[in-house]
């Protein structure tokens, strides 16, 4: 694959402009990601508009999906959507989701965002969702891949710097396991770690109860 940096290596691009109606005042955000050789323009110029890559500190980071990974993401998305409906919490849950962070453009496997913020991004036709509007992100780890370190280490820092209150790290191998992190004083603290065969109960951003083993139950799909 050949990636051309073009002539816009020092150009900024608005990743998300929106009118916040929830936690914060009305803002419009633009990032100028010039740390490395690549920009948002290079990401979008890739095949399929760079769906298989993230942009972090000016570098293109390949994602490592698989059939099991993608199905688990869909199952978790559907479980979260169902739980949000039961809790009557107005959120938009998507898998995956492009979001802007201080590092660039991240693509968490699951993103939960306030419905008003999602509606504003839709009305503005924003390139990404604004990271600070996210209530929760989840990453499903692809073991022994280049993205494993990113999910376990780099994103703990990047998502915390973005201000996302909740971060889940999901393992499927050797057995399903979910680690729940909560943002406290600018960094994540692990609240819980639950393996398959046990029940995880979380109250924020809405009440949800699940067994990590459910993420490998393809009967949950459809």
Protein backbone atom coordinates (compact mmCIF):
# COMPACT_ATOMS: atom_id res chain seq x y z
CA UNK A 1 0.00 0.00 0.00
CA UNK A 2 1.32 3.41 -0.93
CA UNK A 3 0.34 6.39 1.19
CA UNK A 4 0.87 9.88 -0.17
CA UNK A 5 1.20 12.71 2.30
CA UNK A 6 0.29 15.21 -0.39
CA UNK A 7 0.98 18.89 0.11
CA UNK A 8 -1.19 19.42 3.17
CA UNK A 9 1.02 18.02 5.91
CA UNK A 10 0.71 21.22 7.92
CA UNK A 11 -2.97 21.87 7.32
CA UNK A 12 -5.58 21.47 10.01
CA UNK A 13 -9.05 20.17 9.37
CA UNK A 14 -12.14 20.40 11.54
CA UNK A 15 -12.78 16.91 12.85
CA UNK A 16 -15.96 17.77 14.66
CA UNK A 17 -17.85 21.01 14.88
CA UNK A 18 -20.99 20.84 16.94
CA UNK A 19 -23.32 22.63 19.27
CA UNK A 20 -23.17 20.92 22.59
CA UNK A 21 -26.50 20.66 24.32
CA UNK A 22 -25.47 18.42 27.19
CA UNK A 23 -22.59 18.58 29.62
CA UNK A 24 -20.68 21.53 28.19
CA UNK A 25 -21.30 24.87 26.55
CA UNK A 26 -21.54 25.33 22.79
CA UNK A 27 -18.15 24.78 21.17
CA UNK A 28 -16.55 24.22 17.80
CA UNK A 29 -13.39 22.15 17.69
CA UNK A 30 -10.61 21.85 15.12
CA UNK A 31 -7.38 19.88 15.45
CA UNK A 32 -4.10 20.40 13.61
CA UNK A 33 -2.44 16.98 13.75
CA UNK A 34 1.07 17.67 12.51
CA UNK A 35 3.19 15.45 14.80
CA UNK A 36 4.08 12.90 12.13
CA UNK A 37 4.06 12.71 8.35
CA UNK A 38 0.37 11.91 7.90
CA UNK A 39 -2.80 13.96 8.24
CA UNK A 40 -6.53 13.41 8.16
CA UNK A 41 -6.35 13.95 4.40
CA UNK A 42 -4.04 10.94 4.04
CA UNK A 43 -6.33 8.83 6.19
CA UNK A 44 -9.33 9.68 4.02
CA UNK A 45 -7.32 9.06 0.83
CA UNK A 46 -6.71 5.42 1.74
CA UNK A 47 -8.91 2.68 0.23
CA UNK A 48 -12.36 2.67 1.83
CA UNK A 49 -11.52 6.10 3.27
CA UNK A 50 -9.08 4.59 5.74
CA UNK A 51 -11.59 2.38 7.53
CA UNK A 52 -8.80 -0.02 8.50
CA UNK A 53 -6.61 2.67 10.10
CA UNK A 54 -6.49 5.16 12.93
CA UNK A 55 -4.52 8.41 12.95
CA UNK A 56 -2.41 8.86 16.08
CA UNK A 57 0.19 11.61 16.53
CA UNK A 58 0.57 11.90 12.77
CA UNK A 59 0.97 8.16 12.15
CA UNK A 60 -1.39 5.73 10.47
CA UNK A 61 -2.06 2.80 12.79
CA UNK A 62 -3.52 -0.36 11.20
CA UNK A 63 -6.45 -2.03 12.95
CA UNK A 64 -6.55 -5.81 13.42
CA UNK A 65 -10.13 -7.02 13.03
CA UNK A 66 -11.30 -10.61 12.54
CA UNK A 67 -14.65 -12.32 12.08
CA UNK A 68 -14.84 -13.19 15.79
CA UNK A 69 -13.77 -9.66 16.76
CA UNK A 70 -16.40 -8.05 14.53
CA UNK A 71 -19.21 -10.34 15.68
CA UNK A 72 -18.34 -9.72 19.33
CA UNK A 73 -18.46 -5.97 18.69
CA UNK A 74 -21.92 -6.29 17.13
CA UNK A 75 -23.16 -8.40 20.05
CA UNK A 76 -21.84 -5.91 22.61
CA UNK A 77 -23.34 -3.02 20.67
CA UNK A 78 -26.74 -4.72 20.60
CA UNK A 79 -26.59 -5.57 24.31
CA UNK A 80 -25.74 -1.96 25.13
CA UNK A 81 -28.52 -0.63 22.93
CA UNK A 82 -31.04 -2.93 24.61
CA UNK A 83 -29.84 -1.95 28.09
CA UNK A 84 -30.01 1.76 27.24
CA UNK A 85 -33.59 1.36 26.04
CA UNK A 86 -34.59 -0.43 29.24
CA UNK A 87 -32.90 2.30 31.29
CA UNK A 88 -34.59 4.96 29.13
CA UNK A 89 -31.21 6.60 28.59
CA UNK A 90 -31.03 8.66 25.41
CA UNK A 91 -27.77 7.63 23.79
CA UNK A 92 -26.45 6.59 20.40
CA UNK A 93 -24.45 3.35 20.42
CA UNK A 94 -22.37 2.47 17.38
CA UNK A 95 -19.76 -0.12 16.40
CA UNK A 96 -17.26 1.07 15.34
CA UNK A 97 -17.22 4.87 15.68
CA UNK A 98 -14.77 7.52 14.44
CA UNK A 99 -13.93 10.01 17.18
CA UNK A 100 -11.51 12.93 17.49
CA UNK A 101 -8.98 12.81 20.33
CA UNK A 102 -5.87 14.86 21.18
CA UNK A 103 -3.82 12.23 19.31
CA UNK A 104 -5.91 12.29 16.14
CA UNK A 105 -8.71 10.01 14.94
CA UNK A 106 -9.49 6.90 16.96
CA UNK A 107 -11.97 4.19 16.00
CA UNK A 108 -13.18 2.44 19.14
CA UNK A 109 -15.00 -0.82 18.56
CA UNK A 110 -17.94 0.52 20.57
CA UNK A 111 -18.84 4.13 21.23
CA UNK A 112 -21.66 5.46 23.39
CA UNK A 113 -22.54 9.12 22.93
CA UNK A 114 -25.27 11.41 24.19
CA UNK A 115 -28.14 11.46 21.72
CA UNK A 116 -28.18 15.27 21.53
CA UNK A 117 -24.46 15.31 20.68
CA UNK A 118 -24.97 12.61 18.05
CA UNK A 119 -27.84 14.60 16.57
CA UNK A 120 -25.69 17.74 16.42
CA UNK A 121 -22.88 15.84 14.67
CA UNK A 122 -25.42 14.51 12.17
CA UNK A 123 -26.81 17.97 11.49
CA UNK A 124 -23.30 19.39 11.04
CA UNK A 125 -22.23 16.45 8.84
CA UNK A 126 -19.14 16.21 11.07
CA UNK A 127 -16.18 14.10 9.92
CA UNK A 128 -15.94 12.51 13.38
CA UNK A 129 -17.72 12.57 16.66
CA UNK A 130 -16.11 14.88 19.20
CA UNK A 131 -14.34 12.65 21.70
CA UNK A 132 -15.37 14.55 24.81
CA UNK A 133 -19.02 13.85 24.01
CA UNK A 134 -18.43 10.12 24.43
CA UNK A 135 -19.81 8.54 27.58
CA UNK A 136 -18.12 5.18 27.06
CA UNK A 137 -15.76 3.49 24.63
CA UNK A 138 -14.88 -0.20 24.40
CA UNK A 139 -12.04 -1.92 22.59
CA UNK A 140 -12.03 -5.62 21.74
CA UNK A 141 -8.42 -6.75 21.88
CA UNK A 142 -6.94 -8.76 19.03
CA UNK A 143 -4.36 -10.88 20.83
CA UNK A 144 -0.81 -11.00 19.50
CA UNK A 145 -1.52 -8.18 17.05
CA UNK A 146 0.07 -4.79 16.62
CA UNK A 147 -3.06 -3.14 17.97
CA UNK A 148 -3.01 -5.03 21.29
CA UNK A 149 -0.48 -2.66 22.88
CA UNK A 150 -2.41 0.31 21.50
CA UNK A 151 -5.66 -0.86 23.13
CA UNK A 152 -4.08 -1.77 26.47
CA UNK A 153 -1.61 1.09 26.87
CA UNK A 154 -1.82 3.94 24.36
CA UNK A 155 -5.58 4.34 24.47
CA UNK A 156 -5.64 4.33 28.26
CA UNK A 157 -3.74 7.60 27.95
CA UNK A 158 -5.43 9.01 24.85
CA UNK A 159 -9.00 8.33 25.93
CA UNK A 160 -8.23 9.70 29.41
CA UNK A 161 -6.76 12.85 27.87
CA UNK A 162 -9.90 13.14 25.77
CA UNK A 163 -12.04 13.05 28.91
CA UNK A 164 -14.08 9.93 28.16
CA UNK A 165 -15.53 8.80 31.52
CA UNK A 166 -15.64 5.04 30.88
CA UNK A 167 -13.32 2.67 29.02
CA UNK A 168 -13.83 -1.07 28.63
CA UNK A 169 -11.07 -3.41 27.48
CA UNK A 170 -12.54 -6.67 26.19
CA UNK A 171 -10.57 -9.87 25.71
CA UNK A 172 -11.96 -12.82 23.78
CA UNK A 173 -8.92 -15.09 24.19
CA UNK A 174 -8.16 -17.36 25.91
CA UNK A 175 -11.56 -16.73 27.51
CA UNK A 176 -13.88 -13.71 27.35
CA UNK A 177 -13.04 -11.07 29.96
CA UNK A 178 -14.08 -7.45 30.42
CA UNK A 179 -12.06 -4.85 32.32
CA UNK A 180 -13.95 -1.72 33.31
CA UNK A 181 -12.05 1.54 33.78
CA UNK A 182 -13.41 4.79 35.17
CA UNK A 183 -11.86 8.24 34.70
CA UNK A 184 -10.75 9.66 38.06
CA UNK A 185 -8.79 12.91 38.30
CA UNK A 186 -7.65 12.72 34.69
CA UNK A 187 -6.55 9.08 34.55
CA UNK A 188 -8.26 5.70 34.46
CA UNK A 189 -8.70 3.47 37.48
CA UNK A 190 -9.81 -0.11 37.03
CA UNK A 191 -13.12 -0.72 38.76
CA UNK A 192 -13.74 -4.32 37.82
CA UNK A 193 -12.48 -7.27 35.80
CA UNK A 194 -14.97 -10.04 35.08
CA UNK A 195 -14.33 -13.31 33.24
CA UNK A 196 -16.72 -15.58 31.37
CA UNK A 197 -19.13 -17.42 33.63
CA UNK A 198 -19.49 -14.44 35.94
CA UNK A 199 -21.82 -11.48 35.80
CA UNK A 200 -20.65 -7.93 35.15
CA UNK A 201 -22.95 -5.20 36.42
CA UNK A 202 -22.25 -1.58 35.51
CA UNK A 203 -24.35 1.48 36.41
CA UNK A 204 -22.70 4.18 34.31
CA UNK A 205 -23.62 5.55 31.79
CA UNK A 206 -26.66 3.28 32.22
CA UNK A 207 -27.38 0.03 33.99
CA UNK A 208 -26.19 -3.05 32.12
CA UNK A 209 -25.67 -6.64 33.27
CA UNK A 210 -23.94 -9.25 31.15
CA UNK A 211 -21.78 -12.35 31.18
CA UNK A 212 -18.65 -11.84 29.02
CA UNK A 213 -19.35 -15.29 27.57
CA UNK A 214 -22.33 -13.72 25.79
CA UNK A 215 -19.91 -11.99 23.43
CA UNK A 216 -19.10 -15.32 21.77
CA UNK A 217 -22.71 -16.42 21.51
CA UNK A 218 -23.54 -15.84 17.86
CA UNK A 219 -27.18 -16.62 18.63
CA UNK A 220 -27.25 -13.10 20.06
CA UNK A 221 -26.86 -11.78 16.51
CA UNK A 222 -29.85 -11.05 14.32
